[in-house]
Amino acid sequence: MTLPLRVRRLFYRYHTELLDTERHAALIIPTVLSDGTVDDWDWLFQVYGWEAIRAWMVEPLHAPMLPPPMERFWTLILLGEPQETPRWAGGNARRLVPEKDLPEWFPNDLR
């Protein structure tokens, strides 16, 4: 099955007419979960079903493919509790620095 026109906008880097929902699920599922709208999510769940998307989410390397806020949201929805994979490198990195190592000028409300 090919992607509907309304969902193709999410795949602007790809030849959307070549994407197939069966063969390219590993690309389609995280893209729609992270960048889609409620209508796009409805389409995604109609195509793959709740259990298939949940099964995708529990694979160890799949949830970290989503941006951190979306990972927390979808793990809450699909798995019953929010999870967030530690990210130690990259633009979305969240590092916990011991308070004793913070500079004096660092704002107290962010400690």
Protein backbone atom coordinates (compact mmCIF):
# COMPACT_ATOMS: atom_id res chain seq x y z
CA MET A 1 0.00 0.00 0.00
CA THR A 2 1.31 3.45 -0.84
CA LEU A 3 1.15 6.48 1.40
CA PRO A 4 -1.88 8.77 1.16
CA LEU A 5 -1.19 12.27 -0.11
CA ARG A 6 -1.82 13.89 3.28
CA VAL A 7 0.92 11.77 4.91
CA ARG A 8 3.49 12.16 2.12
CA ARG A 9 4.41 15.65 3.31
CA LEU A 10 6.22 14.03 6.27
CA PHE A 11 8.61 12.23 3.89
CA TYR A 12 9.92 15.20 1.94
CA ARG A 13 13.40 13.64 1.69
CA TYR A 14 12.12 10.51 -0.04
CA HIS A 15 10.43 9.53 -3.28
CA THR A 16 7.09 9.06 -1.57
CA GLU A 17 5.55 7.27 -4.52
CA LEU A 18 8.08 4.46 -3.90
CA LEU A 19 7.36 4.05 -0.19
CA ASP A 20 5.34 0.96 0.65
CA THR A 21 3.63 0.53 4.02
CA GLU A 22 4.71 -3.10 4.33
CA ARG A 23 8.32 -2.86 3.17
CA HIS A 24 9.09 0.51 4.75
CA ALA A 25 7.32 0.26 8.12
CA ALA A 26 10.63 0.87 9.95
CA LEU A 27 10.76 4.34 8.36
CA ILE A 28 7.05 5.14 8.28
CA ILE A 29 6.17 4.33 11.90
CA PRO A 30 8.74 6.57 13.65
CA THR A 31 8.28 9.40 11.15
CA VAL A 32 4.52 9.55 11.59
CA LEU A 33 4.72 9.09 15.38
CA SER A 34 7.24 11.91 15.75
CA ASP A 35 6.13 14.41 13.09
CA GLY A 36 2.52 13.58 12.32
CA THR A 37 -0.75 15.14 13.39
CA VAL A 38 -3.67 13.41 15.09
CA ASP A 39 -5.13 12.63 11.65
CA ASP A 40 -1.80 11.11 10.58
CA TRP A 41 -1.71 9.02 13.75
CA ASP A 42 -5.25 7.78 13.02
CA TRP A 43 -4.09 6.65 9.59
CA LEU A 44 -0.98 4.98 11.08
CA PHE A 45 -3.00 2.99 13.61
CA GLN A 46 -5.55 1.99 10.94
CA VAL A 47 -2.76 0.67 8.69
CA TYR A 48 -0.53 -1.07 11.26
CA GLY A 49 -2.80 -1.61 14.24
CA TRP A 50 -2.21 -0.98 17.92
CA GLU A 51 -0.31 -4.21 18.61
CA ALA A 52 2.10 -3.85 15.67
CA ILE A 53 3.01 -0.29 16.69
CA ARG A 54 3.39 -1.35 20.33
CA ALA A 55 5.64 -4.23 19.20
CA TRP A 56 7.71 -1.73 17.20
CA MET A 57 8.04 0.48 20.28
CA VAL A 58 9.32 -2.25 22.60
CA GLU A 59 12.25 -3.09 20.33
CA PRO A 60 15.33 -1.73 22.16
CA LEU A 61 16.56 0.57 19.40
CA HIS A 62 13.23 1.86 18.17
CA ALA A 63 11.93 4.24 20.87
CA PRO A 64 15.20 6.26 20.84
CA MET A 65 14.51 7.03 17.17
CA LEU A 66 11.82 9.45 18.36
CA PRO A 67 12.57 12.93 19.74
CA PRO A 68 12.63 12.77 23.58
CA PRO A 69 9.22 14.41 24.15
CA MET A 70 7.57 12.10 21.62
CA GLU A 71 9.37 9.07 23.04
CA ARG A 72 7.94 9.87 26.48
CA PHE A 73 4.47 10.49 25.03
CA TRP A 74 4.31 7.32 22.93
CA THR A 75 5.84 5.04 25.55
CA LEU A 76 3.20 6.31 27.98
CA ILE A 77 0.42 5.69 25.47
CA LEU A 78 1.67 2.37 24.13
CA LEU A 79 3.49 0.86 27.10
CA GLY A 80 1.63 2.39 30.04
CA GLU A 81 4.55 4.35 31.47
CA PRO A 82 6.74 7.13 30.09
CA GLN A 83 10.30 6.22 29.27
CA GLU A 84 13.19 8.25 28.04
CA THR A 85 16.37 6.81 26.66
CA PRO A 86 19.49 8.59 27.98
CA ARG A 87 21.12 10.54 25.19
CA TRP A 88 24.76 11.31 25.86
CA ALA A 89 25.65 12.82 22.52
CA GLY A 90 23.97 14.92 19.89
CA GLY A 91 21.72 17.93 19.85
CA ASN A 92 19.10 16.38 22.12
CA ALA A 93 21.58 15.37 24.80
CA ARG A 94 20.46 15.76 28.39
CA ARG A 95 23.29 15.49 30.84
CA LEU A 96 22.94 15.35 34.55
CA VAL A 97 25.76 17.25 36.16
CA PRO A 98 26.31 16.86 39.89
CA GLU A 99 25.35 20.06 41.66
CA LYS A 100 28.81 20.39 43.23
CA ASP A 101 30.27 20.60 39.70
CA LEU A 102 28.05 23.44 38.53
CA PRO A 103 29.61 26.92 38.34
CA GLU A 104 28.52 29.52 40.90
CA TRP A 105 26.80 31.61 38.25
CA PHE A 106 24.50 28.72 37.22
CA PRO A 107 20.86 29.65 38.05
CA ASN A 108 19.50 28.00 41.19
CA ASP A 109 16.14 27.22 39.62
CA LEU A 110 17.86 25.03 36.99
CA ARG A 111 19.90 22.99 39.46
